[in-house]
């Protein structure tokens, strides 16, 4: 019984949106940093060097290819995370909510029930 309760608690913890959102945010943030670094290193820096006369136009063209590769890698990672982690976790959370909604609410505690009866009796008078 203890193990079942522990597993239920763990499922509730994992299915909280905050945990999944945080994990996905960290992964996507790290991947996006790579895209930004590539843009700065392969596009912006060569353009600045071209303006200052320290680089040629060919270095900018090569930089676009490297940047496109980094952007494509980011999009593939984002798609993988979405379809392998986010989508199934959302489906599992939805199933858990439906299961909880289908279960009848637990009966009130005896003291709450007694207070409710007292309240109802006072309303009648």
N, C-alpha and C. Protein backbone atom coordinates (compact mmCIF):
# COMPACT_ATOMS: atom_id res chain seq x y z
N UNK A 1 0.84 -1.20 0.00
CA UNK A 1 0.00 0.00 0.00
C UNK A 1 0.88 1.25 0.00
N UNK A 2 1.97 1.22 0.79
CA UNK A 2 2.87 2.36 0.85
C UNK A 2 3.49 2.65 -0.52
N UNK A 3 3.90 1.59 -1.22
CA UNK A 3 4.54 1.75 -2.52
C UNK A 3 3.56 2.33 -3.54
N UNK A 4 2.31 1.85 -3.50
CA UNK A 4 1.29 2.38 -4.42
C UNK A 4 1.06 3.87 -4.17
N UNK A 5 1.00 4.25 -2.91
CA UNK A 5 0.82 5.65 -2.55
C UNK A 5 2.00 6.49 -3.03
N UNK A 6 3.19 5.95 -2.87
CA UNK A 6 4.40 6.65 -3.30
C UNK A 6 4.42 6.85 -4.81
N UNK A 7 4.00 5.83 -5.54
CA UNK A 7 3.95 5.92 -7.00
C UNK A 7 2.90 6.95 -7.43
N UNK A 8 1.75 6.97 -6.77
CA UNK A 8 0.71 7.96 -7.08
C UNK A 8 1.21 9.38 -6.83
N UNK A 9 1.92 9.56 -5.71
CA UNK A 9 2.48 10.89 -5.41
C UNK A 9 3.49 11.30 -6.47
N UNK A 10 4.33 10.35 -6.88
CA UNK A 10 5.34 10.65 -7.90
C UNK A 10 4.68 11.02 -9.22
N UNK A 11 3.63 10.29 -9.61
CA UNK A 11 2.91 10.62 -10.84
C UNK A 11 2.32 12.03 -10.76
N UNK A 12 1.74 12.36 -9.63
CA UNK A 12 1.16 13.69 -9.46
C UNK A 12 2.24 14.77 -9.57
N UNK A 13 3.41 14.49 -9.01
CA UNK A 13 4.52 15.45 -9.07
C UNK A 13 5.01 15.64 -10.50
N UNK A 14 5.21 14.53 -11.20
CA UNK A 14 5.72 14.60 -12.57
C UNK A 14 4.71 15.25 -13.50
N UNK A 15 3.44 14.98 -13.29
CA UNK A 15 2.42 15.50 -14.21
C UNK A 15 2.07 16.95 -13.96
N UNK A 16 2.63 17.55 -12.91
CA UNK A 16 2.40 18.97 -12.72
C UNK A 16 3.02 19.70 -13.90
N UNK A 17 2.32 20.66 -14.41
CA UNK A 17 2.81 21.40 -15.57
C UNK A 17 4.15 22.08 -15.31
N UNK A 18 4.37 22.49 -14.07
CA UNK A 18 5.60 23.23 -13.77
C UNK A 18 6.84 22.39 -14.01
N UNK A 19 6.80 21.12 -13.63
CA UNK A 19 7.98 20.26 -13.78
C UNK A 19 8.30 20.05 -15.25
N UNK A 20 7.30 19.70 -16.03
CA UNK A 20 7.51 19.46 -17.45
C UNK A 20 7.92 20.74 -18.15
N UNK A 21 7.24 21.84 -17.85
CA UNK A 21 7.56 23.12 -18.48
C UNK A 21 9.00 23.54 -18.18
N UNK A 22 9.43 23.34 -16.94
CA UNK A 22 10.79 23.71 -16.56
C UNK A 22 11.81 22.88 -17.31
N UNK A 23 11.59 21.57 -17.37
CA UNK A 23 12.54 20.70 -18.08
C UNK A 23 12.61 21.06 -19.56
N UNK A 24 11.46 21.23 -20.18
CA UNK A 24 11.43 21.59 -21.60
C UNK A 24 12.07 22.97 -21.81
N UNK A 25 11.79 23.90 -20.91
CA UNK A 25 12.36 25.24 -21.03
C UNK A 25 13.88 25.23 -20.96
N UNK A 26 14.42 24.42 -20.08
CA UNK A 26 15.89 24.34 -19.96
C UNK A 26 16.50 23.75 -21.23
N UNK A 27 15.91 22.68 -21.74
CA UNK A 27 16.44 22.04 -22.95
C UNK A 27 16.33 22.97 -24.15
N UNK A 28 15.16 23.58 -24.33
CA UNK A 28 14.96 24.48 -25.47
C UNK A 28 15.84 25.72 -25.33
N UNK A 29 15.98 26.22 -24.10
CA UNK A 29 16.84 27.39 -23.88
C UNK A 29 18.29 27.11 -24.25
N UNK A 30 18.78 25.94 -23.86
CA UNK A 30 20.16 25.58 -24.21
C UNK A 30 20.31 25.44 -25.72
N UNK A 31 19.33 24.84 -26.37
CA UNK A 31 19.40 24.68 -27.83
C UNK A 31 19.30 26.03 -28.53
N UNK A 32 18.47 26.91 -28.01
CA UNK A 32 18.32 28.23 -28.63
C UNK A 32 19.59 29.06 -28.46
N UNK A 33 20.31 28.86 -27.36
CA UNK A 33 21.57 29.55 -27.15
C UNK A 33 22.54 29.20 -28.28
N UNK A 34 22.52 27.95 -28.72
CA UNK A 34 23.38 27.54 -29.83
C UNK A 34 23.02 28.29 -31.11
N UNK A 35 21.73 28.48 -31.34
CA UNK A 35 21.29 29.22 -32.53
C UNK A 35 21.75 30.67 -32.45
N UNK A 36 21.59 31.29 -31.28
CA UNK A 36 22.00 32.68 -31.11
C UNK A 36 23.52 32.81 -31.26
N UNK A 37 24.26 31.89 -30.65
CA UNK A 37 25.72 31.92 -30.79
C UNK A 37 26.13 31.78 -32.25
N UNK A 38 25.45 30.91 -32.98
CA UNK A 38 25.75 30.73 -34.40
C UNK A 38 25.44 31.99 -35.19
N UNK A 39 24.34 32.64 -34.86
CA UNK A 39 23.98 33.87 -35.58
C UNK A 39 25.03 34.95 -35.34
N UNK A 40 25.43 35.08 -34.09
CA UNK A 40 26.43 36.10 -33.77
C UNK A 40 27.77 35.77 -34.41
N UNK A 41 28.20 34.51 -34.25
CA UNK A 41 29.52 34.12 -34.75
C UNK A 41 29.61 33.98 -36.25
N UNK A 42 28.54 33.55 -36.89
CA UNK A 42 28.60 33.25 -38.34
C UNK A 42 27.96 34.31 -39.23
N UNK A 43 27.15 35.19 -38.67
CA UNK A 43 26.51 36.21 -39.51
C UNK A 43 26.88 37.62 -39.06
N UNK A 44 26.60 37.93 -37.79
CA UNK A 44 26.81 39.30 -37.33
C UNK A 44 28.29 39.66 -37.30
N UNK A 45 29.12 38.81 -36.72
CA UNK A 45 30.56 39.11 -36.64
C UNK A 45 31.19 39.27 -38.03
N UNK A 46 30.92 38.36 -38.99
CA UNK A 46 31.49 38.57 -40.33
C UNK A 46 30.99 39.84 -41.01
N UNK A 47 29.73 40.23 -40.77
CA UNK A 47 29.23 41.48 -41.36
C UNK A 47 29.98 42.67 -40.78
N UNK A 48 30.19 42.65 -39.47
CA UNK A 48 30.96 43.72 -38.83
C UNK A 48 32.39 43.75 -39.38
N UNK A 49 32.98 42.57 -39.54
CA UNK A 49 34.34 42.50 -40.10
C UNK A 49 34.36 42.99 -41.55
N UNK A 50 33.30 42.68 -42.31
CA UNK A 50 33.21 43.13 -43.70
C UNK A 50 33.13 44.65 -43.75
N UNK A 51 32.34 45.23 -42.86
CA UNK A 51 32.20 46.69 -42.82
C UNK A 51 33.53 47.33 -42.45
N UNK A 52 34.25 46.70 -41.53
CA UNK A 52 35.54 47.28 -41.12
C UNK A 52 36.66 46.93 -42.09
N UNK A 53 36.38 46.07 -43.08
CA UNK A 53 37.38 45.75 -44.09
C UNK A 53 38.29 44.60 -43.71
N UNK A 54 37.97 43.86 -42.66
CA UNK A 54 38.83 42.76 -42.20
C UNK A 54 38.34 41.40 -42.67
N UNK A 55 37.26 41.33 -43.41
CA UNK A 55 36.75 40.05 -43.92
C UNK A 55 36.23 40.26 -45.33
N UNK A 56 35.99 39.15 -46.01
CA UNK A 56 35.44 39.25 -47.35
C UNK A 56 34.01 38.70 -47.38
N UNK A 57 33.36 38.87 -48.51
CA UNK A 57 31.96 38.50 -48.64
C UNK A 57 31.76 36.99 -48.54
N UNK A 58 32.77 36.20 -48.93
CA UNK A 58 32.65 34.73 -48.91
C UNK A 58 32.51 34.19 -47.49
N UNK A 59 33.12 34.85 -46.51
CA UNK A 59 32.99 34.37 -45.14
C UNK A 59 31.55 34.54 -44.65
N UNK A 60 30.86 35.55 -45.14
CA UNK A 60 29.45 35.75 -44.76
C UNK A 60 28.60 34.65 -45.37
N UNK A 61 28.85 34.28 -46.63
CA UNK A 61 28.08 33.22 -47.27
C UNK A 61 28.26 31.89 -46.55
N UNK A 62 29.48 31.57 -46.16
CA UNK A 62 29.73 30.34 -45.40
C UNK A 62 29.04 30.38 -44.05
N UNK A 63 28.98 31.56 -43.46
CA UNK A 63 28.33 31.71 -42.17
C UNK A 63 26.84 31.45 -42.24
N UNK A 64 26.20 31.79 -43.35
CA UNK A 64 24.77 31.53 -43.51
C UNK A 64 24.48 30.03 -43.49
N UNK A 65 25.36 29.25 -44.10
CA UNK A 65 25.19 27.80 -44.09
C UNK A 65 25.30 27.23 -42.68
N UNK A 66 26.28 27.70 -41.93
CA UNK A 66 26.46 27.23 -40.55
C UNK A 66 25.27 27.64 -39.69
N UNK A 67 24.79 28.87 -39.89
CA UNK A 67 23.63 29.33 -39.13
C UNK A 67 22.38 28.53 -39.50
N UNK A 68 22.20 28.26 -40.78
CA UNK A 68 21.04 27.46 -41.21
C UNK A 68 21.09 26.07 -40.59
N UNK A 69 22.28 25.50 -40.51
CA UNK A 69 22.43 24.18 -39.88
C UNK A 69 22.06 24.22 -38.41
N UNK A 70 22.51 25.25 -37.70
CA UNK A 70 22.18 25.40 -36.28
C UNK A 70 20.68 25.60 -36.09
N UNK A 71 20.06 26.39 -36.95
CA UNK A 71 18.62 26.62 -36.86
C UNK A 71 17.85 25.33 -37.15
N UNK A 72 18.30 24.57 -38.13
CA UNK A 72 17.65 23.30 -38.45
C UNK A 72 17.79 22.31 -37.29
N UNK A 73 18.97 22.24 -36.69
CA UNK A 73 19.16 21.38 -35.52
C UNK A 73 18.21 21.77 -34.39
N UNK A 74 18.05 23.06 -34.17
CA UNK A 74 17.14 23.55 -33.12
C UNK A 74 15.70 23.11 -33.41
N UNK A 75 15.26 23.27 -34.66
CA UNK A 75 13.89 22.89 -35.01
C UNK A 75 13.67 21.38 -34.86
N UNK A 76 14.66 20.59 -35.24
CA UNK A 76 14.52 19.14 -35.09
C UNK A 76 14.46 18.76 -33.61
N UNK A 77 15.31 19.36 -32.78
CA UNK A 77 15.28 19.08 -31.35
C UNK A 77 13.94 19.48 -30.75
N UNK A 78 13.44 20.65 -31.12
CA UNK A 78 12.15 21.11 -30.60
C UNK A 78 11.03 20.16 -31.01
N UNK A 79 11.06 19.67 -32.25
CA UNK A 79 10.03 18.74 -32.71
C UNK A 79 10.13 17.41 -31.94
N UNK A 80 11.34 16.93 -31.72
CA UNK A 80 11.52 15.68 -30.98
C UNK A 80 11.00 15.83 -29.55
N UNK A 81 11.36 16.91 -28.89
CA UNK A 81 10.89 17.14 -27.53
C UNK A 81 9.37 17.23 -27.48
N UNK A 82 8.79 17.93 -28.45
CA UNK A 82 7.34 18.08 -28.46
C UNK A 82 6.64 16.74 -28.64
N UNK A 83 7.06 15.98 -29.66
CA UNK A 83 6.33 14.76 -29.98
C UNK A 83 6.67 13.58 -29.06
N UNK A 84 7.85 13.58 -28.45
CA UNK A 84 8.22 12.46 -27.59
C UNK A 84 7.92 12.74 -26.11
N UNK A 85 8.01 13.99 -25.69
CA UNK A 85 7.82 14.30 -24.28
C UNK A 85 6.55 15.11 -24.00
N UNK A 86 6.42 16.26 -24.64
CA UNK A 86 5.33 17.18 -24.30
C UNK A 86 3.96 16.59 -24.66
N UNK A 87 3.81 16.13 -25.86
CA UNK A 87 2.51 15.61 -26.31
C UNK A 87 2.07 14.41 -25.45
N UNK A 88 2.93 13.38 -25.25
CA UNK A 88 2.49 12.26 -24.39
C UNK A 88 2.20 12.68 -22.95
N UNK A 89 2.99 13.60 -22.40
CA UNK A 89 2.75 14.03 -21.02
C UNK A 89 1.43 14.79 -20.92
N UNK A 90 1.10 15.60 -21.92
CA UNK A 90 -0.19 16.29 -21.93
C UNK A 90 -1.33 15.29 -22.00
N UNK A 91 -1.16 14.26 -22.82
CA UNK A 91 -2.20 13.23 -22.95
C UNK A 91 -2.36 12.48 -21.63
N UNK A 92 -1.25 12.15 -20.98
CA UNK A 92 -1.31 11.46 -19.70
C UNK A 92 -1.96 12.33 -18.63
N UNK A 93 -1.63 13.61 -18.60
CA UNK A 93 -2.24 14.52 -17.63
C UNK A 93 -3.74 14.64 -17.88
N UNK A 94 -4.13 14.69 -19.14
CA UNK A 94 -5.56 14.76 -19.47
C UNK A 94 -6.29 13.50 -19.02
N UNK A 95 -5.67 12.34 -19.21
CA UNK A 95 -6.28 11.08 -18.77
C UNK A 95 -6.41 11.05 -17.25
N UNK A 96 -5.40 11.56 -16.54
CA UNK A 96 -5.45 11.59 -15.08
C UNK A 96 -6.57 12.51 -14.61
N UNK A 97 -6.74 13.66 -15.27
CA UNK A 97 -7.81 14.59 -14.90
C UNK A 97 -9.18 13.96 -15.12
N UNK A 98 -9.32 13.26 -16.25
CA UNK A 98 -10.60 12.60 -16.52
C UNK A 98 -10.88 11.52 -15.48
N UNK A 99 -9.84 10.79 -15.10
CA UNK A 99 -10.00 9.74 -14.09
C UNK A 99 -10.41 10.35 -12.75
N UNK A 100 -9.79 11.46 -12.39
CA UNK A 100 -10.13 12.12 -11.13
C UNK A 100 -11.54 12.69 -11.17
N UNK A 101 -11.94 13.21 -12.33
CA UNK A 101 -13.29 13.78 -12.45
C UNK A 101 -14.35 12.68 -12.39
N UNK A 102 -14.03 11.49 -12.86
CA UNK A 102 -14.99 10.40 -12.86
C UNK A 102 -15.16 9.79 -11.48
N UNK A 103 -14.15 9.91 -10.63
CA UNK A 103 -14.24 9.36 -9.29
C UNK A 103 -15.17 10.23 -8.44
N UNK A 104 -16.03 9.59 -7.64
CA UNK A 104 -16.90 10.40 -6.78
C UNK A 104 -16.06 11.06 -5.68
N UNK A 105 -16.47 12.23 -5.26
CA UNK A 105 -15.68 12.90 -4.22
C UNK A 105 -15.75 12.09 -2.92
N UNK A 106 -14.69 12.12 -2.15
CA UNK A 106 -14.71 11.37 -0.90
C UNK A 106 -15.74 11.97 0.05
N UNK A 107 -16.30 11.14 0.92
CA UNK A 107 -17.29 11.67 1.86
C UNK A 107 -16.61 12.66 2.80
N UNK A 108 -17.35 13.66 3.25
CA UNK A 108 -16.74 14.65 4.14
C UNK A 108 -16.34 14.01 5.47
N UNK A 109 -15.37 14.62 6.09
CA UNK A 109 -14.93 14.14 7.39
C UNK A 109 -16.07 14.29 8.39
N UNK A 110 -16.10 13.46 9.44
CA UNK A 110 -17.22 13.51 10.39
C UNK A 110 -17.43 14.89 11.00
N UNK A 111 -16.34 15.60 11.31
CA UNK A 111 -16.53 16.93 11.91
C UNK A 111 -17.12 17.92 10.91
N UNK A 112 -16.72 17.80 9.64
CA UNK A 112 -17.28 18.68 8.61
C UNK A 112 -18.76 18.35 8.40
N UNK A 113 -19.07 17.07 8.40
CA UNK A 113 -20.46 16.65 8.23
C UNK A 113 -21.32 17.17 9.40
N UNK A 114 -20.80 17.08 10.61
CA UNK A 114 -21.52 17.57 11.78
C UNK A 114 -21.74 19.08 11.69
N UNK A 115 -20.71 19.81 11.29
CA UNK A 115 -20.84 21.26 11.15
C UNK A 115 -21.86 21.62 10.06
N UNK A 116 -21.89 20.85 9.00
CA UNK A 116 -22.86 21.09 7.93
C UNK A 116 -24.28 20.87 8.45
N UNK A 117 -24.47 19.82 9.23
CA UNK A 117 -25.80 19.55 9.80
C UNK A 117 -26.22 20.67 10.74
N UNK A 118 -25.29 21.15 11.56
CA UNK A 118 -25.60 22.26 12.49
C UNK A 118 -25.98 23.50 11.70
N UNK A 119 -25.22 23.78 10.64
CA UNK A 119 -25.52 24.94 9.80
C UNK A 119 -26.92 24.82 9.20
N UNK A 120 -27.24 23.65 8.69
CA UNK A 120 -28.56 23.43 8.08
C UNK A 120 -29.68 23.59 9.11
N UNK A 121 -29.47 23.09 10.33
CA UNK A 121 -30.46 23.24 11.39
C UNK A 121 -30.65 24.72 11.77
N UNK A 122 -29.54 25.45 11.81
CA UNK A 122 -29.65 26.88 12.14
C UNK A 122 -30.37 27.65 11.03
N UNK A 123 -30.17 27.25 9.79
CA UNK A 123 -30.87 27.91 8.69
C UNK A 123 -32.37 27.68 8.77
N UNK A 124 -32.78 26.51 9.23
CA UNK A 124 -34.19 26.18 9.33
C UNK A 124 -34.89 27.02 10.40
N UNK A 125 -34.17 27.40 11.42
CA UNK A 125 -34.77 28.18 12.53
C UNK A 125 -34.76 29.59 12.19
